[in-house]
Amino acid sequence: MCKGTEAPAPLAWDLQQHGRMWRLAVELSEMPELELAPEALRLLPAPDKRPVMLPVPEHARPLDPDKARCTFSRARSKLVVEWPCSSNDSVAAHQEPEERTLAQDQVESTSALQQEERHQQESK
């Protein structure tokens, strides 16, 4: 296989609404190069890998790149992108969190994000 043509591995990710914010957590081994757009995230995991487009689900759009906040935890191997909900999302706030997949419906639901939130709340 030629350099740079390797197919990207499926990404496990989780999208949840927390109050007035959307929180998208993506499991990654290292911090990727990241581009944000209102309808998608473009991840470049490594220079020799192909970019991965992660579409933002319609109900969580638009993702405002100017108001988004990105953090990466090496300990948890997780990239977290947060952005404000639009005014149309108030109905969705009362629904259960939704998990989605990028490649062939391979979603790995994790409790790590919930544990991270509990840890953050306990440390306040």
Protein backbone atom coordinates (compact mmCIF):
# COMPACT_ATOMS: atom_id res chain seq x y z
CA MET A 1 0.00 0.00 0.00
CA CYS A 2 1.29 3.47 -0.83
CA LYS A 3 2.16 5.88 1.93
CA GLY A 4 -0.81 8.02 2.91
CA THR A 5 -3.41 5.74 1.35
CA GLU A 6 -4.07 3.56 4.37
CA ALA A 7 -7.76 3.47 5.22
CA PRO A 8 -8.58 5.12 8.54
CA ALA A 9 -9.62 2.87 11.41
CA PRO A 10 -13.17 3.22 12.67
CA LEU A 11 -13.53 5.90 15.33
CA ALA A 12 -15.52 5.36 18.48
CA TRP A 13 -17.34 8.54 19.43
CA ASP A 14 -20.13 9.76 21.68
CA LEU A 15 -22.30 12.88 21.39
CA GLN A 16 -24.23 14.15 24.40
CA GLN A 17 -26.00 17.32 25.36
CA HIS A 18 -24.91 18.77 28.71
CA GLY A 19 -27.07 21.71 29.70
CA ARG A 20 -26.63 24.28 26.96
CA MET A 21 -23.59 22.62 25.40
CA TRP A 22 -23.01 19.74 23.00
CA ARG A 23 -20.11 17.49 23.94
CA LEU A 24 -18.52 15.21 21.35
CA ALA A 25 -15.93 12.75 22.68
CA VAL A 26 -13.72 10.85 20.21
CA GLU A 27 -11.38 8.04 21.24
CA LEU A 28 -7.90 8.67 19.78
CA SER A 29 -4.43 7.55 20.77
CA GLU A 30 -2.86 10.95 20.08
CA MET A 31 -3.91 14.55 19.49
CA PRO A 32 -4.93 14.96 15.84
CA GLU A 33 -4.76 17.99 13.63
CA LEU A 34 -8.32 19.30 13.78
CA GLU A 35 -10.48 21.53 11.60
CA LEU A 36 -13.98 22.55 12.68
CA ALA A 37 -16.86 23.49 10.40
CA PRO A 38 -20.58 24.01 11.12
CA GLU A 39 -21.48 20.55 9.77
CA ALA A 40 -18.36 18.41 10.30
CA LEU A 41 -15.01 17.88 12.00
CA ARG A 42 -11.95 16.97 9.96
CA LEU A 43 -9.39 14.93 11.88
CA LEU A 44 -5.89 14.21 10.65
CA PRO A 45 -4.61 11.59 13.13
CA ALA A 46 -1.03 11.59 11.78
CA PRO A 47 0.83 13.07 8.80
CA ASP A 48 1.02 9.66 7.09
CA LYS A 49 -2.72 8.93 7.57
CA ARG A 50 -5.72 10.02 5.54
CA PRO A 51 -8.00 12.67 7.05
CA VAL A 52 -11.23 11.48 8.65
CA MET A 53 -14.45 13.48 8.27
CA LEU A 54 -16.79 13.20 11.23
CA PRO A 55 -20.18 14.72 10.37
CA VAL A 56 -22.00 16.60 13.11
CA PRO A 57 -25.48 15.05 13.47
CA GLU A 58 -28.21 17.37 12.18
CA HIS A 59 -29.82 17.82 15.60
CA ALA A 60 -26.51 19.16 17.01
CA ARG A 61 -25.84 21.63 14.20
CA PRO A 62 -24.46 24.16 13.74
CA LEU A 63 -21.08 23.72 15.36
CA ASP A 64 -19.77 27.28 15.72
CA PRO A 65 -15.96 27.05 15.34
CA ASP A 66 -15.54 30.45 17.02
CA LYS A 67 -17.35 29.30 20.17
CA ALA A 68 -16.16 25.68 20.28
CA ARG A 69 -13.68 24.43 22.87
CA CYS A 70 -11.38 21.47 22.22
CA THR A 71 -9.44 19.47 24.80
CA PHE A 72 -7.37 16.31 24.51
CA SER A 73 -6.58 13.94 27.36
CA ARG A 74 -3.61 11.64 26.81
CA ALA A 75 -4.49 9.70 29.97
CA ARG A 76 -7.98 8.95 28.65
CA SER A 77 -6.97 8.91 24.95
CA LYS A 78 -9.89 11.18 24.24
CA LEU A 79 -10.54 14.33 22.24
CA VAL A 80 -13.50 16.36 23.53
CA VAL A 81 -15.11 19.11 21.46
CA GLU A 82 -17.79 21.28 23.10
CA TRP A 83 -19.98 23.93 21.49
CA PRO A 84 -23.14 25.83 22.46
CA CYS A 85 -26.53 24.40 21.54
CA SER A 86 -28.65 26.41 19.14
CA SER A 87 -32.00 27.76 20.31
CA ASN A 88 -33.72 24.86 18.47
CA ASP A 89 -32.01 22.35 20.75
CA SER A 90 -34.10 23.08 23.85
CA VAL A 91 -36.47 20.19 23.08
CA ALA A 92 -33.55 17.81 22.62
CA ALA A 93 -32.24 18.66 26.09
CA HIS A 94 -34.88 16.40 27.63
CA GLN A 95 -34.03 13.40 25.45
CA GLU A 96 -31.61 10.59 26.28
CA PRO A 97 -27.98 11.01 25.14
CA GLU A 98 -27.43 9.65 21.67
CA GLU A 99 -24.51 7.55 20.51
CA ARG A 100 -23.56 7.47 16.85
CA THR A 101 -20.93 5.83 14.72
CA LEU A 102 -18.60 6.80 11.93
CA ALA A 103 -17.70 3.47 10.32
CA GLN A 104 -20.07 0.53 9.92
CA ASP A 105 -22.06 1.26 13.09
CA GLN A 106 -19.11 0.39 15.34
CA VAL A 107 -19.80 2.56 18.36
CA GLU A 108 -18.01 1.83 21.58
CA SER A 109 -20.02 3.40 24.35
CA THR A 110 -17.84 4.40 27.23
CA SER A 111 -18.42 5.44 30.78
CA ALA A 112 -15.09 7.28 30.81
CA LEU A 113 -16.75 10.54 29.80
CA GLN A 114 -19.25 10.19 32.64
CA GLN A 115 -16.43 9.38 35.07
CA GLU A 116 -14.55 12.43 33.82
CA GLU A 117 -17.59 14.62 34.47
CA ARG A 118 -18.02 13.22 37.99
CA HIS A 119 -14.34 13.85 38.67
CA GLN A 120 -14.63 17.43 37.42
CA GLN A 121 -17.75 18.03 39.56
CA GLU A 122 -16.08 16.53 42.65
CA SER A 123 -13.00 18.70 42.21
CA LYS A 124 -15.06 21.92 42.13
